Amino acid sequence: SFSDGLGQMDKEYLNLIRTYGGSKFQLYKIVKIPSAMISLLSGLKVAA
């Protein structure tokens, strides 16, 4: 669920973040991981 959530980000939005000089670490910390939280929580409910 978490990996699927990370892969569903809008590529144009990611390109915009890169345009502003965002590093790969910042990309995950600021954009990808927060956006994947809903998918992560779905997997956590099943796992729990």
ModelCIF file with pLDDT and N, C-alpha, C, O atoms, coordinates in Angstrom:
data_MODEL
#
_entry.id   MODEL 
#
_entity.id                         1 
_entity.type                       polymer 
_entity.pdbx_number_of_molecules   1 
#
_entity_poly.entity_id                      1 
_entity_poly.type                           'polypeptide(L)' 
_entity_poly.nstd_linkage                   no 
_entity_poly.nstd_monomer                   no 
_entity_poly.pdbx_seq_one_letter_code       SFSDGLGQMDKEYLNLIRTYGGSKFQLYKIVKIPSAMISLLSGLKVAA 
_entity_poly.pdbx_seq_one_letter_code_can   SFSDGLGQMDKEYLNLIRTYGGSKFQLYKIVKIPSAMISLLSGLKVAA 
_entity_poly.pdbx_strand_id                 A 
#
loop_
_entity_poly_seq.entity_id 
_entity_poly_seq.num 
_entity_poly_seq.mon_id 
_entity_poly_seq.hetero 
1 1  SER n 
1 2  PHE n 
1 3  SER n 
1 4  ASP n 
1 5  GLY n 
1 6  LEU n 
1 7  GLY n 
1 8  GLN n 
1 9  MET n 
1 10 ASP n 
1 11 LYS n 
1 12 GLU n 
1 13 TYR n 
1 14 LEU n 
1 15 ASN n 
1 16 LEU n 
1 17 ILE n 
1 18 ARG n 
1 19 THR n 
1 20 TYR n 
1 21 GLY n 
1 22 GLY n 
1 23 SER n 
1 24 LYS n 
1 25 PHE n 
1 26 GLN n 
1 27 LEU n 
1 28 TYR n 
1 29 LYS n 
1 30 ILE n 
1 31 VAL n 
1 32 LYS n 
1 33 ILE n 
1 34 PRO n 
1 35 SER n 
1 36 ALA n 
1 37 MET n 
1 38 ILE n 
1 39 SER n 
1 40 LEU n 
1 41 LEU n 
1 42 SER n 
1 43 GLY n 
1 44 LEU n 
1 45 LYS n 
1 46 VAL n 
1 47 ALA n 
1 48 ALA n 
#
_struct_asym.id          A 
_struct_asym.entity_id   1 
#
loop_
_ma_qa_metric.id 
_ma_qa_metric.mode 
_ma_qa_metric.name 
_ma_qa_metric.software_group_id 
_ma_qa_metric.type 
1 global pLDDT . pLDDT 
2 local  pLDDT . pLDDT 
#
_ma_qa_metric_global.metric_id      1 
_ma_qa_metric_global.metric_value   77.25 
_ma_qa_metric_global.model_id       1 
_ma_qa_metric_global.ordinal_id     1 
#
loop_
_ma_qa_metric_local.label_asym_id 
_ma_qa_metric_local.label_comp_id 
_ma_qa_metric_local.label_seq_id 
_ma_qa_metric_local.metric_id 
_ma_qa_metric_local.metric_value 
_ma_qa_metric_local.model_id 
_ma_qa_metric_local.ordinal_id 
A SER 1  2 90.00 1 1  
A PHE 2  2 90.00 1 2  
A SER 3  2 87.00 1 3  
A ASP 4  2 86.00 1 4  
A GLY 5  2 86.00 1 5  
A LEU 6  2 83.00 1 6  
A GLY 7  2 78.00 1 7  
A GLN 8  2 77.00 1 8  
A MET 9  2 70.00 1 9  
A ASP 10 2 64.00 1 10 
A LYS 11 2 67.00 1 11 
A GLU 12 2 65.00 1 12 
A TYR 13 2 63.00 1 13 
A LEU 14 2 65.00 1 14 
A ASN 15 2 65.00 1 15 
A LEU 16 2 63.00 1 16 
A ILE 17 2 65.00 1 17 
A ARG 18 2 65.00 1 18 
A THR 19 2 69.00 1 19 
A TYR 20 2 62.00 1 20 
A GLY 21 2 64.00 1 21 
A GLY 22 2 64.00 1 22 
A SER 23 2 69.00 1 23 
A LYS 24 2 71.00 1 24 
A PHE 25 2 71.00 1 25 
A GLN 26 2 70.00 1 26 
A LEU 27 2 75.00 1 27 
A TYR 28 2 75.00 1 28 
A LYS 29 2 75.00 1 29 
A ILE 30 2 73.00 1 30 
A VAL 31 2 75.00 1 31 
A LYS 32 2 79.00 1 32 
A ILE 33 2 80.00 1 33 
A PRO 34 2 80.00 1 34 
A SER 35 2 79.00 1 35 
A ALA 36 2 83.00 1 36 
A MET 37 2 85.00 1 37 
A ILE 38 2 86.00 1 38 
A SER 39 2 87.00 1 39 
A LEU 40 2 89.00 1 40 
A LEU 41 2 89.00 1 41 
A SER 42 2 88.00 1 42 
A GLY 43 2 89.00 1 43 
A LEU 44 2 91.00 1 44 
A LYS 45 2 90.00 1 45 
A VAL 46 2 90.00 1 46 
A ALA 47 2 91.00 1 47 
A ALA 48 2 90.00 1 48 
#
loop_
_atom_site.group_PDB 
_atom_site.id 
_atom_site.type_symbol 
_atom_site.label_atom_id 
_atom_site.label_alt_id 
_atom_site.label_comp_id 
_atom_site.label_asym_id 
_atom_site.label_entity_id 
_atom_site.label_seq_id 
_atom_site.pdbx_PDB_ins_code 
_atom_site.Cartn_x 
_atom_site.Cartn_y 
_atom_site.Cartn_z 
_atom_site.occupancy 
_atom_site.B_iso_or_equiv 
_atom_site.pdbx_formal_charge 
_atom_site.auth_seq_id 
_atom_site.auth_comp_id 
_atom_site.auth_asym_id 
_atom_site.auth_atom_id 
_atom_site.pdbx_PDB_model_num 
ATOM 1   N N  . SER A 1 1  ? 0.833  -1.210 0.000   1.00 90.00 ? 1  SER A N  1 
ATOM 2   C CA . SER A 1 1  ? 0.000  0.000  0.000   1.00 90.00 ? 1  SER A CA 1 
ATOM 3   C C  . SER A 1 1  ? 0.861  1.250  0.000   1.00 90.00 ? 1  SER A C  1 
ATOM 4   O O  . SER A 1 1  ? 0.537  2.227  -0.676  1.00 90.00 ? 1  SER A O  1 
ATOM 5   N N  . PHE A 1 2  ? 1.957  1.230  0.753   1.00 90.00 ? 2  PHE A N  1 
ATOM 6   C CA . PHE A 1 2  ? 2.829  2.412  0.832   1.00 90.00 ? 2  PHE A CA 1 
ATOM 7   C C  . PHE A 1 2  ? 3.546  2.668  -0.488  1.00 90.00 ? 2  PHE A C  1 
ATOM 8   O O  . PHE A 1 2  ? 3.598  3.807  -0.951  1.00 90.00 ? 2  PHE A O  1 
ATOM 9   N N  . SER A 1 3  ? 4.098  1.622  -1.099  1.00 87.00 ? 3  SER A N  1 
ATOM 10  C CA . SER A 1 3  ? 4.802  1.791  -2.371  1.00 87.00 ? 3  SER A CA 1 
ATOM 11  C C  . SER A 1 3  ? 3.844  2.228  -3.482  1.00 87.00 ? 3  SER A C  1 
ATOM 12  O O  . SER A 1 3  ? 4.210  3.030  -4.342  1.00 87.00 ? 3  SER A O  1 
ATOM 13  N N  . ASP A 1 4  ? 2.611  1.696  -3.460  1.00 86.00 ? 4  ASP A N  1 
ATOM 14  C CA . ASP A 1 4  ? 1.609  2.125  -4.444  1.00 86.00 ? 4  ASP A CA 1 
ATOM 15  C C  . ASP A 1 4  ? 1.255  3.595  -4.242  1.00 86.00 ? 4  ASP A C  1 
ATOM 16  O O  . ASP A 1 4  ? 1.087  4.335  -5.210  1.00 86.00 ? 4  ASP A O  1 
ATOM 17  N N  . GLY A 1 5  ? 1.143  4.014  -2.986  1.00 86.00 ? 5  GLY A N  1 
ATOM 18  C CA . GLY A 1 5  ? 0.846  5.417  -2.701  1.00 86.00 ? 5  GLY A CA 1 
ATOM 19  C C  . GLY A 1 5  ? 1.954  6.342  -3.173  1.00 86.00 ? 5  GLY A C  1 
ATOM 20  O O  . GLY A 1 5  ? 1.686  7.426  -3.692  1.00 86.00 ? 5  GLY A O  1 
ATOM 21  N N  . LEU A 1 6  ? 3.198  5.917  -2.995  1.00 83.00 ? 6  LEU A N  1 
ATOM 22  C CA . LEU A 1 6  ? 4.330  6.730  -3.455  1.00 83.00 ? 6  LEU A CA 1 
ATOM 23  C C  . LEU A 1 6  ? 4.345  6.841  -4.976  1.00 83.00 ? 6  LEU A C  1 
ATOM 24  O O  . LEU A 1 6  ? 4.738  7.871  -5.523  1.00 83.00 ? 6  LEU A O  1 
ATOM 25  N N  . GLY A 1 7  ? 3.915  5.775  -5.661  1.00 78.00 ? 7  GLY A N  1 
ATOM 26  C CA . GLY A 1 7  ? 3.965  5.767  -7.126  1.00 78.00 ? 7  GLY A CA 1 
ATOM 27  C C  . GLY A 1 7  ? 2.811  6.480  -7.797  1.00 78.00 ? 7  GLY A C  1 
ATOM 28  O O  . GLY A 1 7  ? 2.813  6.627  -9.019  1.00 78.00 ? 7  GLY A O  1 
ATOM 29  N N  . GLN A 1 8  ? 1.812  6.932  -7.026  1.00 77.00 ? 8  GLN A N  1 
ATOM 30  C CA . GLN A 1 8  ? 0.645  7.572  -7.613  1.00 77.00 ? 8  GLN A CA 1 
ATOM 31  C C  . GLN A 1 8  ? 0.715  9.097  -7.627  1.00 77.00 ? 8  GLN A C  1 
ATOM 32  O O  . GLN A 1 8  ? -0.272 9.771  -7.921  1.00 77.00 ? 8  GLN A O  1 
ATOM 33  N N  . MET A 1 9  ? 1.885  9.627  -7.308  1.00 70.00 ? 9  MET A N  1 
ATOM 34  C CA . MET A 1 9  ? 2.050  11.086 -7.324  1.00 70.00 ? 9  MET A CA 1 
ATOM 35  C C  . MET A 1 9  ? 1.982  11.633 -8.749  1.00 70.00 ? 9  MET A C  1 
ATOM 36  O O  . MET A 1 9  ? 2.402  10.969 -9.697  1.00 70.00 ? 9  MET A O  1 
ATOM 37  N N  . ASP A 1 10 ? 1.456  12.834 -8.893  1.00 64.00 ? 10 ASP A N  1 
ATOM 38  C CA . ASP A 1 10 ? 1.392  13.519 -10.187 1.00 64.00 ? 10 ASP A CA 1 
ATOM 39  C C  . ASP A 1 10 ? 2.807  13.893 -10.628 1.00 64.00 ? 10 ASP A C  1 
ATOM 40  O O  . ASP A 1 10 ? 3.507  14.628 -9.932  1.00 64.00 ? 10 ASP A O  1 
ATOM 41  N N  . LYS A 1 11 ? 3.225  13.378 -11.798 1.00 67.00 ? 11 LYS A N  1 
ATOM 42  C CA . LYS A 1 11 ? 4.593  13.621 -12.268 1.00 67.00 ? 11 LYS A CA 1 
ATOM 43  C C  . LYS A 1 11 ? 4.859  15.102 -12.536 1.00 67.00 ? 11 LYS A C  1 
ATOM 44  O O  . LYS A 1 11 ? 5.974  15.578 -12.322 1.00 67.00 ? 11 LYS A O  1 
ATOM 45  N N  . GLU A 1 12 ? 3.850  15.828 -13.001 1.00 65.00 ? 12 GLU A N  1 
ATOM 46  C CA . GLU A 1 12 ? 4.034  17.257 -13.262 1.00 65.00 ? 12 GLU A CA 1 
ATOM 47  C C  . GLU A 1 12 ? 4.324  18.010 -11.965 1.00 65.00 ? 12 GLU A C  1 
ATOM 48  O O  . GLU A 1 12 ? 5.125  18.945 -11.941 1.00 65.00 ? 12 GLU A O  1 
ATOM 49  N N  . TYR A 1 13 ? 3.662  17.590 -10.893 1.00 63.00 ? 13 TYR A N  1 
ATOM 50  C CA . TYR A 1 13 ? 3.895  18.222 -9.605  1.00 63.00 ? 13 TYR A CA 1 
ATOM 51  C C  . TYR A 1 13 ? 5.308  17.923 -9.113  1.00 63.00 ? 13 TYR A C  1 
ATOM 52  O O  . TYR A 1 13 ? 5.982  18.789 -8.554  1.00 63.00 ? 13 TYR A O  1 
ATOM 53  N N  . LEU A 1 14 ? 5.745  16.679 -9.331  1.00 65.00 ? 14 LEU A N  1 
ATOM 54  C CA . LEU A 1 14 ? 7.098  16.309 -8.932  1.00 65.00 ? 14 LEU A CA 1 
ATOM 55  C C  . LEU A 1 14 ? 8.138  17.092 -9.730  1.00 65.00 ? 14 LEU A C  1 
ATOM 56  O O  . LEU A 1 14 ? 9.151  17.527 -9.182  1.00 65.00 ? 14 LEU A O  1 
ATOM 57  N N  . ASN A 1 15 ? 7.882  17.270 -11.032 1.00 65.00 ? 15 ASN A N  1 
ATOM 58  C CA . ASN A 1 15 ? 8.802  18.049 -11.862 1.00 65.00 ? 15 ASN A CA 1 
ATOM 59  C C  . ASN A 1 15 ? 8.876  19.499 -11.401 1.00 65.00 ? 15 ASN A C  1 
ATOM 60  O O  . ASN A 1 15 ? 9.930  20.132 -11.465 1.00 65.00 ? 15 ASN A O  1 
ATOM 61  N N  . LEU A 1 16 ? 7.744  20.013 -10.938 1.00 63.00 ? 16 LEU A N  1 
ATOM 62  C CA . LEU A 1 16 ? 7.722  21.386 -10.422 1.00 63.00 ? 16 LEU A CA 1 
ATOM 63  C C  . LEU A 1 16 ? 8.613  21.517 -9.187  1.00 63.00 ? 16 LEU A C  1 
ATOM 64  O O  . LEU A 1 16 ? 9.350  22.492 -9.044  1.00 63.00 ? 16 LEU A O  1 
ATOM 65  N N  . ILE A 1 17 ? 8.538  20.528 -8.300  1.00 65.00 ? 17 ILE A N  1 
ATOM 66  C CA . ILE A 1 17 ? 9.378  20.550 -7.096  1.00 65.00 ? 17 ILE A CA 1 
ATOM 67  C C  . ILE A 1 17 ? 10.852 20.480 -7.475  1.00 65.00 ? 17 ILE A C  1 
ATOM 68  O O  . ILE A 1 17 ? 11.682 21.165 -6.878  1.00 65.00 ? 17 ILE A O  1 
ATOM 69  N N  . ARG A 1 18 ? 11.179 19.650 -8.469  1.00 65.00 ? 18 ARG A N  1 
ATOM 70  C CA . ARG A 1 18 ? 12.570 19.546 -8.914  1.00 65.00 ? 18 ARG A CA 1 
ATOM 71  C C  . ARG A 1 18 ? 13.037 20.850 -9.534  1.00 65.00 ? 18 ARG A C  1 
ATOM 72  O O  . ARG A 1 18 ? 14.194 21.243 -9.389  1.00 65.00 ? 18 ARG A O  1 
ATOM 73  N N  . THR A 1 19 ? 12.122 21.515 -10.229 1.00 69.00 ? 19 THR A N  1 
ATOM 74  C CA . THR A 1 19 ? 12.468 22.794 -10.857 1.00 69.00 ? 19 THR A CA 1 
ATOM 75  C C  . THR A 1 19 ? 12.909 23.819 -9.818  1.00 69.00 ? 19 THR A C  1 
ATOM 76  O O  . THR A 1 19 ? 13.797 24.630 -10.078 1.00 69.00 ? 19 THR A O  1 
ATOM 77  N N  . TYR A 1 20 ? 12.300 23.782 -8.665  1.00 62.00 ? 20 TYR A N  1 
ATOM 78  C CA . TYR A 1 20 ? 12.651 24.706 -7.581  1.00 62.00 ? 20 TYR A CA 1 
ATOM 79  C C  . TYR A 1 20 ? 13.854 24.231 -6.783  1.00 62.00 ? 20 TYR A C  1 
ATOM 80  O O  . TYR A 1 20 ? 14.149 24.779 -5.721  1.00 62.00 ? 20 TYR A O  1 
ATOM 81  N N  . GLY A 1 21 ? 14.540 23.234 -7.275  1.00 64.00 ? 21 GLY A N  1 
ATOM 82  C CA . GLY A 1 21 ? 15.782 22.787 -6.655  1.00 64.00 ? 21 GLY A CA 1 
ATOM 83  C C  . GLY A 1 21 ? 15.620 21.787 -5.536  1.00 64.00 ? 21 GLY A C  1 
ATOM 84  O O  . GLY A 1 21 ? 16.535 21.606 -4.732  1.00 64.00 ? 21 GLY A O  1 
ATOM 85  N N  . GLY A 1 22 ? 14.482 21.136 -5.468  1.00 64.00 ? 22 GLY A N  1 
ATOM 86  C CA . GLY A 1 22 ? 14.259 20.149 -4.410  1.00 64.00 ? 22 GLY A CA 1 
ATOM 87  C C  . GLY A 1 22 ? 15.095 18.895 -4.634  1.00 64.00 ? 22 GLY A C  1 
ATOM 88  O O  . GLY A 1 22 ? 15.113 18.334 -5.731  1.00 64.00 ? 22 GLY A O  1 
ATOM 89  N N  . SER A 1 23 ? 15.784 18.463 -3.586  1.00 69.00 ? 23 SER A N  1 
ATOM 90  C CA . SER A 1 23 ? 16.586 17.240 -3.676  1.00 69.00 ? 23 SER A CA 1 
ATOM 91  C C  . SER A 1 23 ? 15.671 16.017 -3.598  1.00 69.00 ? 23 SER A C  1 
ATOM 92  O O  . SER A 1 23 ? 14.478 16.141 -3.321  1.00 69.00 ? 23 SER A O  1 
ATOM 93  N N  . LYS A 1 24 ? 16.238 14.843 -3.844  1.00 71.00 ? 24 LYS A N  1 
ATOM 94  C CA . LYS A 1 24 ? 15.446 13.624 -3.783  1.00 71.00 ? 24 LYS A CA 1 
ATOM 95  C C  . LYS A 1 24 ? 14.943 13.380 -2.356  1.00 71.00 ? 24 LYS A C  1 
ATOM 96  O O  . LYS A 1 24 ? 13.819 12.925 -2.145  1.00 71.00 ? 24 LYS A O  1 
ATOM 97  N N  . PHE A 1 25 ? 15.809 13.696 -1.380  1.00 71.00 ? 25 PHE A N  1 
ATOM 98  C CA . PHE A 1 25 ? 15.410 13.538 0.021   1.00 71.00 ? 25 PHE A CA 1 
ATOM 99  C C  . PHE A 1 25 ? 14.239 14.457 0.345   1.00 71.00 ? 25 PHE A C  1 
ATOM 100 O O  . PHE A 1 25 ? 13.273 14.035 0.981   1.00 71.00 ? 25 PHE A O  1 
ATOM 101 N N  . GLN A 1 26 ? 14.324 15.708 -0.090  1.00 70.00 ? 26 GLN A N  1 
ATOM 102 C CA . GLN A 1 26 ? 13.243 16.665 0.148   1.00 70.00 ? 26 GLN A CA 1 
ATOM 103 C C  . GLN A 1 26 ? 11.968 16.256 -0.585  1.00 70.00 ? 26 GLN A C  1 
ATOM 104 O O  . GLN A 1 26 ? 10.859 16.475 -0.100  1.00 70.00 ? 26 GLN A O  1 
ATOM 105 N N  . LEU A 1 27 ? 12.146 15.666 -1.749  1.00 75.00 ? 27 LEU A N  1 
ATOM 106 C CA . LEU A 1 27 ? 10.999 15.211 -2.537  1.00 75.00 ? 27 LEU A CA 1 
ATOM 107 C C  . LEU A 1 27 ? 10.168 14.190 -1.758  1.00 75.00 ? 27 LEU A C  1 
ATOM 108 O O  . LEU A 1 27 ? 8.937  14.228 -1.751  1.00 75.00 ? 27 LEU A O  1 
ATOM 109 N N  . TYR A 1 28 ? 10.880 13.285 -1.109  1.00 75.00 ? 28 TYR A N  1 
ATOM 110 C CA . TYR A 1 28 ? 10.170 12.267 -0.326  1.00 75.00 ? 28 TYR A CA 1 
ATOM 111 C C  . TYR A 1 28 ? 9.647  12.835 0.995   1.00 75.00 ? 28 TYR A C  1 
ATOM 112 O O  . TYR A 1 28 ? 8.527  12.537 1.410   1.00 75.00 ? 28 TYR A O  1 
ATOM 113 N N  . LYS A 1 29 ? 10.458 13.644 1.638   1.00 75.00 ? 29 LYS A N  1 
ATOM 114 C CA . LYS A 1 29 ? 10.078 14.175 2.950   1.00 75.00 ? 29 LYS A CA 1 
ATOM 115 C C  . LYS A 1 29 ? 8.904  15.140 2.879   1.00 75.00 ? 29 LYS A C  1 
ATOM 116 O O  . LYS A 1 29 ? 8.000  15.092 3.713   1.00 75.00 ? 29 LYS A O  1 
ATOM 117 N N  . ILE A 1 30 ? 8.920  16.023 1.873   1.00 73.00 ? 30 ILE A N  1 
ATOM 118 C CA . ILE A 1 30 ? 7.924  17.099 1.813   1.00 73.00 ? 30 ILE A CA 1 
ATOM 119 C C  . ILE A 1 30 ? 6.703  16.713 0.982   1.00 73.00 ? 30 ILE A C  1 
ATOM 120 O O  . ILE A 1 30 ? 5.587  17.144 1.272   1.00 73.00 ? 30 ILE A O  1 
ATOM 121 N N  . VAL A 1 31 ? 6.919  15.894 -0.056  1.00 75.00 ? 31 VAL A N  1 
ATOM 122 C CA . VAL A 1 31 ? 5.837  15.656 -1.009  1.00 75.00 ? 31 VAL A CA 1 
ATOM 123 C C  . VAL A 1 31 ? 5.348  14.199 -0.999  1.00 75.00 ? 31 VAL A C  1 
ATOM 124 O O  . VAL A 1 31 ? 4.185  13.930 -0.696  1.00 75.00 ? 31 VAL A O  1 
ATOM 125 N N  . LYS A 1 32 ? 6.236  13.278 -1.329  1.00 79.00 ? 32 LYS A N  1 
ATOM 126 C CA . LYS A 1 32 ? 5.790  11.913 -1.596  1.00 79.00 ? 32 LYS A CA 1 
ATOM 127 C C  . LYS A 1 32 ? 5.252  11.187 -0.358  1.00 79.00 ? 32 LYS A C  1 
ATOM 128 O O  . LYS A 1 32 ? 4.160  10.620 -0.394  1.00 79.00 ? 32 LYS A O  1 
ATOM 129 N N  . ILE A 1 33 ? 6.009  11.205 0.719   1.00 80.00 ? 33 ILE A N  1 
ATOM 130 C CA . ILE A 1 33 ? 5.575  10.478 1.913   1.00 80.00 ? 33 ILE A CA 1 
ATOM 131 C C  . ILE A 1 33 ? 4.277  11.041 2.487   1.00 80.00 ? 33 ILE A C  1 
ATOM 132 O O  . ILE A 1 33 ? 3.377  10.266 2.810   1.00 80.00 ? 33 ILE A O  1 
ATOM 133 N N  . PRO A 1 34 ? 4.145  12.387 2.630   1.00 80.00 ? 34 PRO A N  1 
ATOM 134 C CA . PRO A 1 34 ? 2.847  12.908 3.107   1.00 80.00 ? 34 PRO A CA 1 
ATOM 135 C C  . PRO A 1 34 ? 1.682  12.538 2.183   1.00 80.00 ? 34 PRO A C  1 
ATOM 136 O O  . PRO A 1 34 ? 0.577  12.263 2.650   1.00 80.00 ? 34 PRO A O  1 
ATOM 137 N N  . SER A 1 35 ? 1.934  12.534 0.878   1.00 79.00 ? 35 SER A N  1 
ATOM 138 C CA . SER A 1 35 ? 0.868  12.207 -0.072  1.00 79.00 ? 35 SER A CA 1 
ATOM 139 C C  . SER A 1 35 ? 0.492  10.731 -0.023  1.00 79.00 ? 35 SER A C  1 
ATOM 140 O O  . SER A 1 35 ? -0.633 10.360 -0.358  1.00 79.00 ? 35 SER A O  1 
ATOM 141 N N  . ALA A 1 36 ? 1.442  9.888  0.397   1.00 83.00 ? 36 ALA A N  1 
ATOM 142 C CA . ALA A 1 36 ? 1.188  8.446  0.446   1.00 83.00 ? 36 ALA A CA 1 
ATOM 143 C C  . ALA A 1 36 ? 0.598  8.004  1.789   1.00 83.00 ? 36 ALA A C  1 
ATOM 144 O O  . ALA A 1 36 ? 0.374  6.813  2.002   1.00 83.00 ? 36 ALA A O  1 
ATOM 145 N N  . MET A 1 37 ? 0.348  8.946  2.687   1.00 85.00 ? 37 MET A N  1 
ATOM 146 C CA . MET A 1 37 ? -0.130 8.591  4.027   1.00 85.00 ? 37 MET A CA 1 
ATOM 147 C C  . MET A 1 37 ? -1.479 7.863  4.004   1.00 85.00 ? 37 MET A C  1 
ATOM 148 O O  . MET A 1 37 ? -1.698 6.929  4.776   1.00 85.00 ? 37 MET A O  1 
ATOM 149 N N  . ILE A 1 38 ? -2.371 8.292  3.122   1.00 86.00 ? 38 ILE A N  1 
ATOM 150 C CA . ILE A 1 38 ? -3.690 7.646  3.070   1.00 86.00 ? 38 ILE A CA 1 
ATOM 151 C C  . ILE A 1 38 ? -3.545 6.175  2.676   1.00 86.00 ? 38 ILE A C  1 
ATOM 152 O O  . ILE A 1 38 ? -4.170 5.301  3.275   1.00 86.00 ? 38 ILE A O  1 
ATOM 153 N N  . SER A 1 39 ? -2.721 5.913  1.668   1.00 87.00 ? 39 SER A N  1 
ATOM 154 C CA . SER A 1 39 ? -2.475 4.524  1.257   1.00 87.00 ? 39 SER A CA 1 
ATOM 155 C C  . SER A 1 39 ? -1.780 3.737  2.362   1.00 87.00 ? 39 SER A C  1 
ATOM 156 O O  . SER A 1 39 ? -2.101 2.575  2.610   1.00 87.00 ? 39 SER A O  1 
ATOM 157 N N  . LEU A 1 40 ? -0.821 4.389  3.023   1.00 89.00 ? 40 LEU A N  1 
ATOM 158 C CA . LEU A 1 40 ? -0.111 3.732  4.117   1.00 89.00 ? 40 LEU A CA 1 
ATOM 159 C C  . LEU A 1 40 ? -1.064 3.342  5.235   1.00 89.00 ? 40 LEU A C  1 
ATOM 160 O O  . LEU A 1 40 ? -0.973 2.243  5.782   1.00 89.00 ? 40 LEU A O  1 
ATOM 161 N N  . LEU A 1 41 ? -1.971 4.235  5.570   1.00 89.00 ? 41 LEU A N  1 
ATOM 162 C CA . LEU A 1 41 ? -2.940 3.949  6.633   1.00 89.00 ? 41 LEU A CA 1 
ATOM 163 C C  . LEU A 1 41 ? -3.862 2.791  6.258   1.00 89.00 ? 41 LEU A C  1 
ATOM 164 O O  . LEU A 1 41 ? -4.261 2.008  7.121   1.00 89.00 ? 41 LEU A O  1 
ATOM 165 N N  . SER A 1 42 ? -4.197 2.683  4.980   1.00 88.00 ? 42 SER A N  1 
ATOM 166 C CA . SER A 1 42 ? -5.025 1.550  4.532   1.00 88.00 ? 42 SER A CA 1 
ATOM 167 C C  . SER A 1 42 ? -4.302 0.231  4.778   1.00 88.00 ? 42 SER A C  1 
ATOM 168 O O  . SER A 1 42 ? -4.896 -0.734 5.259   1.00 88.00 ? 42 SER A O  1 
ATOM 169 N N  . GLY A 1 43 ? -3.022 0.200  4.445   1.00 89.00 ? 43 GLY A N  1 
ATOM 170 C CA . GLY A 1 43 ? -2.239 -1.005 4.702   1.00 89.00 ? 43 GLY A CA 1 
ATOM 171 C C  . GLY A 1 43 ? -2.069 -1.284 6.179   1.00 89.00 ? 43 GLY A C  1 
ATOM 172 O O  . GLY A 1 43 ? -2.083 -2.440 6.602   1.00 89.00 ? 43 GLY A O  1 
ATOM 173 N N  . LEU A 1 44 ? -1.908 -0.229 6.968   1.00 91.00 ? 44 LEU A N  1 
ATOM 174 C CA . LEU A 1 44 ? -1.758 -0.396 8.418   1.00 91.00 ? 44 LEU A CA 1 
ATOM 175 C C  . LEU A 1 44 ? -3.024 -0.962 9.053   1.00 91.00 ? 44 LEU A C  1 
ATOM 176 O O  . LEU A 1 44 ? -2.947 -1.759 9.989   1.00 91.00 ? 44 LEU A O  1 
ATOM 177 N N  . LYS A 1 45 ? -4.187 -0.556 8.551   1.00 90.00 ? 45 LYS A N  1 
ATOM 178 C CA . LYS A 1 45 ? -5.454 -1.090 9.088   1.00 90.00 ? 45 LYS A CA 1 
ATOM 179 C C  . LYS A 1 45 ? -5.543 -2.599 8.863   1.00 90.00 ? 45 LYS A C  1 
ATOM 180 O O  . LYS A 1 45 ? -5.952 -3.351 9.747   1.00 90.00 ? 45 LYS A O  1 
ATOM 181 N N  . VAL A 1 46 ? -5.152 -3.022 7.667   1.00 90.00 ? 46 VAL A N  1 
ATOM 182 C CA . VAL A 1 46 ? -5.171 -4.461 7.366   1.00 90.00 ? 46 VAL A CA 1 
ATOM 183 C C  . VAL A 1 46 ? -4.158 -5.186 8.252   1.00 90.00 ? 46 VAL A C  1 
ATOM 184 O O  . VAL A 1 46 ? -4.459 -6.229 8.832   1.00 90.00 ? 46 VAL A O  1 
ATOM 185 N N  . ALA A 1 47 ? -2.957 -4.620 8.348   1.00 91.00 ? 47 ALA A N  1 
ATOM 186 C CA . ALA A 1 47 ? -1.895 -5.248 9.140   1.00 91.00 ? 47 ALA A CA 1 
ATOM 187 C C  . ALA A 1 47 ? -2.275 -5.313 10.615  1.00 91.00 ? 47 ALA A C  1 
ATOM 188 O O  . ALA A 1 47 ? -2.003 -6.309 11.285  1.00 91.00 ? 47 ALA A O  1 
ATOM 189 N N  . ALA A 1 48 ? -2.904 -4.251 11.121  1.00 90.00 ? 48 ALA A N  1 
ATOM 190 C CA . ALA A 1 48 ? -3.304 -4.229 12.528  1.00 90.00 ? 48 ALA A CA 1 
ATOM 191 C C  . ALA A 1 48 ? -4.296 -5.342 12.829  1.00 90.00 ? 48 ALA A C  1 
ATOM 192 O O  . ALA A 1 48 ? -4.744 -5.478 13.967  1.00 90.00 ? 48 ALA A O  1 
#
